[in-house]
């Protein structure tokens, strides 16, 4: 019996080995590629468990996948086998207002969850740029975050309990619905950020937070990005914690204004400071931020109201896709795009990125969640130019190593996957990686779960099927 026939006994026609469908699952939003032998679309924890049991018996790799929005190859089946598409498990099972909790399946889209919570006066704070299509399972697997984490934290701060299918098919729970617990190892945190290498998330209990009553947006423009970075450090040192703090350099502003010439943003290198709370507290915080910025800023303004704020944030979310408006002959390539450093090192990181961009003669946009030290670097090239590809690779490597040298990370929110696996030892050290490998061996001794990721294994199972 072919591999695909065995999985059809579990999920019926929701298992396929059609070449066209397999090709659709051979990549995510990164440059990493890998062709699966088949795609399986489970609709329940029971089906996931049965698929994993069979895969374990056959020694076939299993790669879990949500919406495929990842930028590090985390959901790419490097060694063939099964792609387990969890996007169909997309139910919001319960909204428990009394316990500040919501129960969801992994395929729930982040924005849809917040649409459901908003009428109740609550929200799930992690806010990635891909919120309109990324799934909760992927957010948890990568500890995703976004623009609000400077005040509200990342996904790991909002996960109370997980239902996980282990590598042998057993189903376990990692926590409880309580808001705090001191009972044993924190297994919930172990699976958050594990990128599907330790188990497959099939259900999550998430903590929700009350929506703020008021928001204000302060927009400060500067003559150079390094000065903008210095002001961010000064703002935090003064005791002000905005709910969001974003940088958009002058190249990024030029891109956005080509998309929307009427966009209410000044020229130059921009910092967006959003504060939330009550009407009084936001007014006071906005004034304090303006006072910190004014001595060195070219201009400081406050958005006129909710509509203008939403227009600016919508433009911010489009940055990654808008780069072609600057030069239609070039394409954005997602490498070196997610580095992070301690807040006081932000100006140094901006300076290094500018120097690297100049050294390799590659245009770059610098934008991102500067309030938590996370800088997104958009490098774009003519994809038909072989020399530009070589310079791109070298520039991305230099950016990664600069972040590590400054005491930072090669990934603040997009994950390691396969794209950044070579930097794990340099960033974390041999001893830390050896502990990670020991945990991997304990939970997945045959190495069938998402092999080839996080720098955890040199070898692993290859496709075991004929499908």
Protein backbone atom coordinates (compact mmCIF):
# COMPACT_ATOMS: atom_id res chain seq x y z
CA UNK A 1 0.00 0.00 0.00
CA UNK A 2 1.30 3.44 -0.92
CA UNK A 3 1.96 6.01 1.79
CA UNK A 4 -0.95 8.18 0.67
CA UNK A 5 -3.41 5.27 0.89
CA UNK A 6 -2.43 4.63 4.50
CA UNK A 7 -3.17 8.22 5.48
CA UNK A 8 -6.44 8.20 3.55
CA UNK A 9 -7.61 5.44 5.86
CA UNK A 10 -7.45 8.09 8.62
CA UNK A 11 -8.61 11.31 6.94
CA UNK A 12 -10.14 10.18 3.66
CA UNK A 13 -9.72 12.50 0.68
CA UNK A 14 -8.13 15.12 2.90
CA UNK A 15 -4.82 13.39 2.19
CA UNK A 16 -3.26 14.05 -1.20
CA UNK A 17 -0.08 13.34 -3.12
CA UNK A 18 -1.06 15.36 -6.18
CA UNK A 19 2.09 17.08 -7.55
CA UNK A 20 0.41 20.50 -7.80
CA UNK A 21 -0.75 20.37 -4.18
CA UNK A 22 2.59 19.14 -2.93
CA UNK A 23 4.28 22.03 -4.72
CA UNK A 24 2.02 24.51 -2.90
CA UNK A 25 3.40 23.21 0.41
CA UNK A 26 7.05 23.19 -0.64
CA UNK A 27 7.82 26.69 0.67
CA UNK A 28 6.65 29.39 3.02
CA UNK A 29 7.37 33.14 2.64
CA UNK A 30 11.13 32.51 2.90
CA UNK A 31 13.63 31.27 0.33
CA UNK A 32 13.74 27.79 1.90
CA UNK A 33 12.36 24.94 -0.26
CA UNK A 34 11.48 21.30 0.38
CA UNK A 35 8.99 19.00 -1.34
CA UNK A 36 6.62 16.86 0.79
CA UNK A 37 5.59 13.36 -0.26
CA UNK A 38 2.02 14.05 0.74
CA UNK A 39 -0.23 16.59 2.44
CA UNK A 40 -2.63 15.60 5.20
CA UNK A 41 -5.39 17.92 6.45
CA UNK A 42 -6.70 16.72 9.80
CA UNK A 43 -9.84 18.13 11.39
CA UNK A 44 -9.43 16.86 14.97
CA UNK A 45 -6.86 16.03 17.62
CA UNK A 46 -7.76 12.37 17.20
CA UNK A 47 -6.88 12.48 13.51
CA UNK A 48 -3.59 14.27 14.23
CA UNK A 49 -2.71 11.60 16.79
CA UNK A 50 -3.47 8.74 14.41
CA UNK A 51 -1.45 10.35 11.61
CA UNK A 52 1.55 10.84 13.91
CA UNK A 53 1.32 7.25 15.21
CA UNK A 54 1.43 5.95 11.64
CA UNK A 55 4.24 8.31 10.70
CA UNK A 56 6.24 7.13 13.71
CA UNK A 57 5.74 3.50 12.73
CA UNK A 58 6.93 4.24 9.18
CA UNK A 59 9.73 6.61 10.22
CA UNK A 60 8.26 9.38 8.07
CA UNK A 61 8.95 13.05 8.88
CA UNK A 62 6.00 15.22 9.96
CA UNK A 63 6.02 18.98 9.41
CA UNK A 64 3.13 20.94 10.93
CA UNK A 65 1.91 23.98 9.00
CA UNK A 66 -0.61 26.77 9.48
CA UNK A 67 -1.03 29.61 6.98
CA UNK A 68 2.53 29.35 5.64
CA UNK A 69 3.37 32.98 6.47
CA UNK A 70 6.69 32.09 8.14
CA UNK A 71 9.88 33.82 7.01
CA UNK A 72 12.45 31.24 8.13
CA UNK A 73 11.40 27.99 6.47
CA UNK A 74 9.93 26.64 9.69
CA UNK A 75 6.98 24.95 7.96
CA UNK A 76 8.98 23.68 4.97
CA UNK A 77 9.43 19.86 4.79
CA UNK A 78 13.19 19.75 4.26
CA UNK A 79 13.27 15.95 4.30
CA UNK A 80 10.03 15.17 2.57
CA UNK A 81 7.39 13.14 4.37
CA UNK A 82 4.10 14.65 5.49
CA UNK A 83 3.01 18.24 5.70
CA UNK A 84 0.27 18.31 8.32
CA UNK A 85 -1.93 21.26 7.37
CA UNK A 86 -3.74 22.37 10.54
CA UNK A 87 -5.52 25.37 9.00
CA UNK A 88 -8.80 23.44 8.88
CA UNK A 89 -8.81 23.11 12.68
CA UNK A 90 -10.03 26.69 12.98
CA UNK A 91 -12.75 26.81 15.62
CA UNK A 92 -12.98 29.28 18.48
CA UNK A 93 -14.27 26.78 21.00
CA UNK A 94 -15.06 28.97 24.00
CA UNK A 95 -14.87 32.58 25.18
CA UNK A 96 -14.61 32.40 28.98
CA UNK A 97 -14.98 36.01 30.15
CA UNK A 98 -15.00 35.16 33.85
CA UNK A 99 -11.59 33.51 33.58
CA UNK A 100 -10.16 35.98 31.02
CA UNK A 101 -9.59 33.00 28.71
CA UNK A 102 -10.43 31.90 25.20
CA UNK A 103 -10.08 28.34 23.87
CA UNK A 104 -9.03 27.96 20.23
CA UNK A 105 -7.82 25.44 17.70
CA UNK A 106 -4.47 26.12 15.97
CA UNK A 107 -5.94 27.16 12.61
CA UNK A 108 -7.78 30.21 13.98
CA UNK A 109 -6.60 33.37 12.22
CA UNK A 110 -5.31 36.01 14.64
CA UNK A 111 -7.46 38.88 13.32
CA UNK A 112 -10.58 36.71 13.39
CA UNK A 113 -9.94 35.95 17.05
CA UNK A 114 -9.76 39.65 17.87
CA UNK A 115 -12.91 40.33 15.85
CA UNK A 116 -14.65 37.78 18.06
CA UNK A 117 -13.27 39.27 21.30
CA UNK A 118 -13.82 42.97 20.50
CA UNK A 119 -17.60 43.08 21.23
CA UNK A 120 -16.82 41.72 24.70
CA UNK A 121 -14.28 44.51 25.31
CA UNK A 122 -11.20 42.25 25.14
CA UNK A 123 -8.34 41.46 22.75
CA UNK A 124 -5.41 39.11 22.21
CA UNK A 125 -2.47 41.56 22.16
CA UNK A 126 0.17 39.94 19.87
CA UNK A 127 -0.16 41.91 16.64
CA UNK A 128 2.07 40.71 13.76
CA UNK A 129 1.99 42.40 10.40
CA UNK A 130 0.41 39.23 9.00
CA UNK A 131 -2.46 39.29 11.54
CA UNK A 132 -5.14 39.12 8.83
CA UNK A 133 -4.01 35.66 7.73
CA UNK A 134 -1.48 34.12 10.16
CA UNK A 135 -2.79 31.42 12.51
CA UNK A 136 -2.62 31.09 16.28
CA UNK A 137 -0.79 27.76 16.02
CA UNK A 138 1.98 29.40 14.02
CA UNK A 139 2.16 32.33 16.41
CA UNK A 140 2.62 29.96 19.34
CA UNK A 141 5.11 27.73 17.51
CA UNK A 142 7.31 30.76 16.78
CA UNK A 143 6.46 32.90 19.82
CA UNK A 144 5.34 35.58 17.39
CA UNK A 145 4.63 39.11 18.50
CA UNK A 146 4.40 42.34 16.51
CA UNK A 147 3.80 46.00 17.21
CA UNK A 148 2.21 45.85 20.67
CA UNK A 149 4.75 43.67 22.46
CA UNK A 150 6.76 46.63 23.79
CA UNK A 151 4.01 47.06 26.42
CA UNK A 152 1.99 43.86 26.27
CA UNK A 153 4.65 41.22 25.70
CA UNK A 154 4.85 38.38 23.17
CA UNK A 155 2.67 35.34 22.55
CA UNK A 156 4.30 33.40 25.41
CA UNK A 157 2.78 35.87 27.87
CA UNK A 158 -0.75 34.88 26.80
CA UNK A 159 -0.71 31.08 26.60
CA UNK A 160 -2.14 29.35 29.68
CA UNK A 161 -2.43 25.78 28.43
CA UNK A 162 -1.74 23.73 25.31
CA UNK A 163 -3.00 20.43 24.01
CA UNK A 164 -0.07 18.78 22.22
CA UNK A 165 0.33 15.59 20.22
CA UNK A 166 3.75 14.10 20.95
CA UNK A 167 6.02 12.28 18.50
CA UNK A 168 4.58 8.87 19.46
CA UNK A 169 0.97 10.03 19.09
CA UNK A 170 0.21 10.54 22.78
CA UNK A 171 -1.88 13.59 23.63
CA UNK A 172 -0.86 15.74 26.60
CA UNK A 173 -1.84 19.00 28.29
CA UNK A 174 0.84 21.41 29.43
CA UNK A 175 -0.94 23.74 31.86
CA UNK A 176 -4.36 24.80 33.14
CA UNK A 177 -6.90 27.60 32.92
CA UNK A 178 -5.53 29.29 36.04
CA UNK A 179 -3.77 32.61 35.55
CA UNK A 180 -0.76 31.38 37.52
CA UNK A 181 0.66 28.05 38.62
CA UNK A 182 3.78 26.87 40.44
CA UNK A 183 3.26 23.17 39.79
CA UNK A 184 6.28 21.55 38.16
CA UNK A 185 8.17 22.41 34.99
CA UNK A 186 6.67 25.10 32.76
CA UNK A 187 5.93 22.77 29.87
CA UNK A 188 3.72 25.34 28.18
CA UNK A 189 6.72 27.63 27.65
CA UNK A 190 8.76 24.65 26.44
CA UNK A 191 6.49 24.16 23.44
CA UNK A 192 6.10 27.88 22.69
CA UNK A 193 8.78 28.78 20.16
CA UNK A 194 9.74 25.14 19.54
CA UNK A 195 8.65 25.44 15.87
CA UNK A 196 6.94 22.05 15.80
CA UNK A 197 10.12 20.14 16.70
CA UNK A 198 8.82 18.79 20.04
CA UNK A 199 5.09 18.27 19.44
CA UNK A 200 2.09 19.41 17.42
CA UNK A 201 -0.25 21.93 19.00
CA UNK A 202 -3.92 21.00 18.55
CA UNK A 203 -5.60 23.32 21.07
CA UNK A 204 -4.68 26.40 23.10
CA UNK A 205 -6.16 28.24 26.05
CA UNK A 206 -5.16 31.87 25.71
CA UNK A 207 -5.35 34.78 28.12
CA UNK A 208 -7.17 37.84 26.85
CA UNK A 209 -6.77 41.45 27.95
CA UNK A 210 -9.28 44.32 28.27
CA UNK A 211 -9.22 46.78 25.38
CA UNK A 212 -7.83 50.19 26.37
CA UNK A 213 -10.34 53.03 26.58
CA UNK A 214 -8.20 55.50 24.62
CA UNK A 215 -5.19 55.62 22.27
CA UNK A 216 -3.00 58.42 20.92
CA UNK A 217 -0.30 58.39 18.26
CA UNK A 218 2.73 60.70 18.38
CA UNK A 219 4.74 61.00 15.15
CA UNK A 220 8.30 62.30 15.43
CA UNK A 221 10.55 62.84 12.38
CA UNK A 222 14.35 63.10 12.49
CA UNK A 223 17.16 64.01 10.12
CA UNK A 224 18.77 60.58 10.51
CA UNK A 225 17.75 57.14 11.77
CA UNK A 226 20.50 56.96 14.39
CA UNK A 227 19.14 60.04 16.15
CA UNK A 228 15.68 58.48 16.01
CA UNK A 229 17.12 55.41 17.73
CA UNK A 230 18.73 57.51 20.43
CA UNK A 231 15.41 59.20 21.19
CA UNK A 232 13.74 55.83 21.68
CA UNK A 233 16.35 54.90 24.29
CA UNK A 234 15.83 58.29 26.01
CA UNK A 235 12.07 57.80 26.04
CA UNK A 236 12.31 54.46 27.81
CA UNK A 237 14.95 55.76 30.22
CA UNK A 238 12.53 58.53 31.23
CA UNK A 239 10.00 55.91 32.38
CA UNK A 240 7.56 56.13 29.46
CA UNK A 241 6.37 52.78 28.07
CA UNK A 242 4.32 53.23 24.87
CA UNK A 243 1.96 50.50 23.70
CA UNK A 244 3.75 50.52 20.34
CA UNK A 245 6.97 52.13 19.14
CA UNK A 246 7.87 51.75 15.47
CA UNK A 247 10.62 53.09 13.22
CA UNK A 248 10.09 53.87 9.53
CA UNK A 249 13.24 55.16 7.86
CA UNK A 250 13.15 57.69 5.01
CA UNK A 251 13.31 54.98 2.34
CA UNK A 252 10.30 53.26 3.91
CA UNK A 253 8.41 56.57 4.05
CA UNK A 254 9.14 57.11 0.35
CA UNK A 255 7.75 53.65 -0.44
CA UNK A 256 4.57 54.27 1.56
CA UNK A 257 3.97 57.66 -0.03
CA UNK A 258 4.22 56.15 -3.49
CA UNK A 259 1.43 53.79 -2.43
CA UNK A 260 -0.61 56.60 -0.86
CA UNK A 261 0.54 60.18 -1.62
CA UNK A 262 -1.98 61.53 0.87
CA UNK A 263 -0.61 59.55 3.82
CA UNK A 264 -0.30 61.83 6.88
CA UNK A 265 3.38 61.20 7.60
CA UNK A 266 6.22 63.75 7.40
CA UNK A 267 9.38 63.10 5.42
CA UNK A 268 12.57 61.90 7.10
CA UNK A 269 13.18 59.05 9.53
CA UNK A 270 10.03 58.53 11.58
CA UNK A 271 9.24 57.11 15.01
CA UNK A 272 5.61 56.22 15.73
CA UNK A 273 4.80 56.24 19.45
CA UNK A 274 1.37 54.90 20.39
CA UNK A 275 0.16 55.18 23.97
CA UNK A 276 -3.03 53.69 25.38
CA UNK A 277 -5.01 53.85 28.60
CA UNK A 278 -7.50 56.48 29.70
CA UNK A 279 -8.12 59.83 27.99
CA UNK A 280 -6.13 61.60 30.69
CA UNK A 281 -3.23 59.16 30.88
CA UNK A 282 -2.76 59.04 27.10
CA UNK A 283 -2.81 62.84 26.87
CA UNK A 284 -0.14 63.07 29.57
CA UNK A 285 2.03 60.35 28.02
CA UNK A 286 1.79 61.88 24.54
CA UNK A 287 2.93 65.24 25.94
CA UNK A 288 5.84 63.59 27.78
CA UNK A 289 6.97 61.81 24.60
CA UNK A 290 6.78 65.05 22.63
CA UNK A 291 8.93 66.75 25.28
CA UNK A 292 11.61 64.03 25.00
CA UNK A 293 11.60 64.18 21.19
CA UNK A 294 11.38 67.92 20.58
CA UNK A 295 15.02 68.93 21.30
CA UNK A 296 16.37 66.83 18.43
CA UNK A 297 13.34 66.10 16.22
CA UNK A 298 12.69 67.94 12.98
CA UNK A 299 8.95 67.72 13.66
CA UNK A 300 6.62 66.25 16.31
CA UNK A 301 2.88 65.91 15.64
CA UNK A 302 -0.02 63.94 17.08
CA UNK A 303 -2.47 62.05 14.87
CA UNK A 304 -5.75 63.93 14.58
CA UNK A 305 -7.96 61.04 15.64
CA UNK A 306 -8.87 57.36 15.37
CA UNK A 307 -9.33 57.39 11.58
CA UNK A 308 -5.91 58.90 10.91
CA UNK A 309 -4.30 56.51 13.37
CA UNK A 310 -5.84 53.50 11.65
CA UNK A 311 -4.73 54.80 8.23
CA UNK A 312 -1.13 55.11 9.45
CA UNK A 313 -1.10 51.67 11.10
CA UNK A 314 -2.64 50.09 7.99
CA UNK A 315 0.17 51.64 5.94
CA UNK A 316 2.74 50.32 8.42
CA UNK A 317 1.42 46.78 7.94
CA UNK A 318 1.86 47.10 4.16
CA UNK A 319 5.56 47.98 4.30
CA UNK A 320 6.87 44.50 3.52
CA UNK A 321 4.72 44.18 0.41
CA UNK A 322 5.07 47.77 -0.82
CA UNK A 323 8.78 47.84 -1.68
CA UNK A 324 8.22 47.21 -5.40
CA UNK A 325 6.71 50.70 -5.68
CA UNK A 326 10.18 52.15 -5.05
CA UNK A 327 11.83 50.22 -7.87
CA UNK A 328 9.68 47.81 -9.96
CA UNK A 329 12.84 46.05 -11.21
CA UNK A 330 13.71 44.84 -7.70
CA UNK A 331 12.13 42.35 -5.30
CA UNK A 332 12.18 42.15 -1.50
CA UNK A 333 14.07 39.06 -0.30
CA UNK A 334 13.44 38.00 3.29
CA UNK A 335 16.93 37.47 4.67
CA UNK A 336 18.60 39.31 7.55
CA UNK A 337 15.18 40.81 8.22
CA UNK A 338 14.47 40.13 11.91
CA UNK A 339 17.43 41.08 14.08
CA UNK A 340 17.13 42.49 17.57
CA UNK A 341 19.39 44.10 20.17
CA UNK A 342 19.08 45.60 23.68
CA UNK A 343 17.31 48.96 23.45
CA UNK A 344 20.40 51.06 24.19
CA UNK A 345 22.23 49.35 21.31
CA UNK A 346 19.60 50.37 18.74
CA UNK A 347 21.57 53.36 17.38
CA UNK A 348 24.64 51.14 16.95
CA UNK A 349 22.58 48.51 15.10
CA UNK A 350 21.09 51.14 12.76
CA UNK A 351 24.58 52.46 12.05
CA UNK A 352 25.90 48.97 11.29
CA UNK A 353 23.00 48.16 8.98
CA UNK A 354 23.51 51.42 7.09
CA UNK A 355 27.22 50.66 6.73
CA UNK A 356 26.49 47.11 5.51
CA UNK A 357 23.93 48.38 3.00
CA UNK A 358 26.49 50.82 1.62
CA UNK A 359 29.37 48.34 1.64
CA UNK A 360 27.45 45.84 -0.48
CA UNK A 361 25.71 48.50 -2.61
CA UNK A 362 22.27 47.17 -1.77
CA UNK A 363 19.34 49.47 -1.06
CA UNK A 364 17.62 48.72 2.23
CA UNK A 365 14.57 49.82 4.16
CA UNK A 366 14.88 49.89 7.95
CA UNK A 367 11.65 49.61 9.88
CA UNK A 368 10.16 47.61 12.72
CA UNK A 369 9.43 47.34 16.41
CA UNK A 370 12.23 49.57 17.62
CA UNK A 371 10.63 49.90 21.05
CA UNK A 372 11.73 46.36 21.89
CA UNK A 373 14.97 46.48 19.91
CA UNK A 374 13.59 44.58 16.89
CA UNK A 375 14.70 45.99 13.53
CA UNK A 376 13.38 44.66 10.23
CA UNK A 377 15.78 45.19 7.34
CA UNK A 378 14.28 44.99 3.86
CA UNK A 379 16.96 44.21 1.29
CA UNK A 380 15.82 44.22 -2.31
CA UNK A 381 17.55 43.10 -5.49
CA UNK A 382 17.10 42.37 -9.17
CA UNK A 383 16.44 38.63 -8.90
CA UNK A 384 17.85 38.08 -12.41
CA UNK A 385 21.23 39.50 -11.37
CA UNK A 386 23.52 36.75 -10.06
CA UNK A 387 25.98 39.24 -8.61
CA UNK A 388 23.24 40.92 -6.56
CA UNK A 389 22.24 37.53 -5.13
CA UNK A 390 25.81 37.01 -3.93
CA UNK A 391 25.98 40.46 -2.35
CA UNK A 392 22.58 39.89 -0.74
CA UNK A 393 23.76 36.70 0.96
CA UNK A 394 26.89 38.41 2.26
CA UNK A 395 24.95 41.44 3.50
CA UNK A 396 22.41 39.29 5.37
CA UNK A 397 25.23 37.33 7.01
CA UNK A 398 26.90 40.57 8.10
CA UNK A 399 23.62 41.85 9.58
CA UNK A 400 23.10 38.65 11.57
CA UNK A 401 26.62 38.70 12.95
CA UNK A 402 26.37 42.40 13.82
CA UNK A 403 23.27 41.71 15.91
CA UNK A 404 25.01 38.90 17.79
CA UNK A 405 28.10 41.05 18.35
CA UNK A 406 25.91 43.76 19.88
CA UNK A 407 24.46 41.27 22.36
CA UNK A 408 21.30 40.64 20.37
CA UNK A 409 19.54 37.96 18.39
CA UNK A 410 19.25 36.85 14.75
CA UNK A 411 15.48 36.50 15.23
CA UNK A 412 13.25 38.54 17.49
CA UNK A 413 9.92 37.16 16.28
CA UNK A 414 10.11 35.27 12.96
CA UNK A 415 11.89 32.17 14.28
CA UNK A 416 15.03 30.25 13.41
CA UNK A 417 13.62 27.51 11.18
CA UNK A 418 16.17 26.46 8.57
CA UNK A 419 17.07 29.94 7.32
CA UNK A 420 18.94 30.98 10.48
CA UNK A 421 19.97 27.60 11.89
CA UNK A 422 23.66 28.23 11.20
CA UNK A 423 23.72 31.06 13.76
CA UNK A 424 22.25 29.14 16.71
CA UNK A 425 25.60 28.01 18.13
CA UNK A 426 27.15 31.46 17.76
CA UNK A 427 24.23 33.14 19.50
CA UNK A 428 23.39 30.58 22.20
CA UNK A 429 26.63 28.65 22.67
CA UNK A 430 27.47 24.94 22.50
CA UNK A 431 26.23 24.12 26.02
CA UNK A 432 22.82 25.69 25.47
CA UNK A 433 22.41 23.94 22.13
CA UNK A 434 23.40 20.60 23.72
CA UNK A 435 20.59 21.02 26.28
CA UNK A 436 18.13 21.81 23.48
CA UNK A 437 19.25 18.66 21.64
CA UNK A 438 18.78 16.57 24.79
CA UNK A 439 15.20 17.82 25.14
CA UNK A 440 14.58 17.05 21.46
CA UNK A 441 15.92 13.49 21.86
CA UNK A 442 13.78 12.92 24.96
CA UNK A 443 10.53 13.98 23.28
CA UNK A 444 11.26 12.91 19.70
CA UNK A 445 13.87 10.13 19.83
CA UNK A 446 13.39 9.17 16.17
CA UNK A 447 13.61 12.78 15.01
CA UNK A 448 10.42 12.71 12.93
CA UNK A 449 9.03 16.11 13.99
CA UNK A 450 10.10 18.92 11.67
CA UNK A 451 13.66 17.67 11.15
CA UNK A 452 16.39 20.04 10.01
CA UNK A 453 15.17 23.06 11.99
CA UNK A 454 16.61 25.15 14.84
CA UNK A 455 20.08 23.67 14.32
CA UNK A 456 19.00 20.65 16.38
CA UNK A 457 20.06 17.80 14.13
CA UNK A 458 22.59 17.04 11.47
CA UNK A 459 20.74 13.99 10.29
CA UNK A 460 17.15 12.91 10.46
CA UNK A 461 14.53 10.73 8.83
CA UNK A 462 13.94 11.11 5.13
CA UNK A 463 10.75 10.32 3.29
CA UNK A 464 9.61 6.82 4.01
CA UNK A 465 6.86 6.62 1.43
CA UNK A 466 6.29 5.96 -2.22
CA UNK A 467 3.50 8.51 -2.55
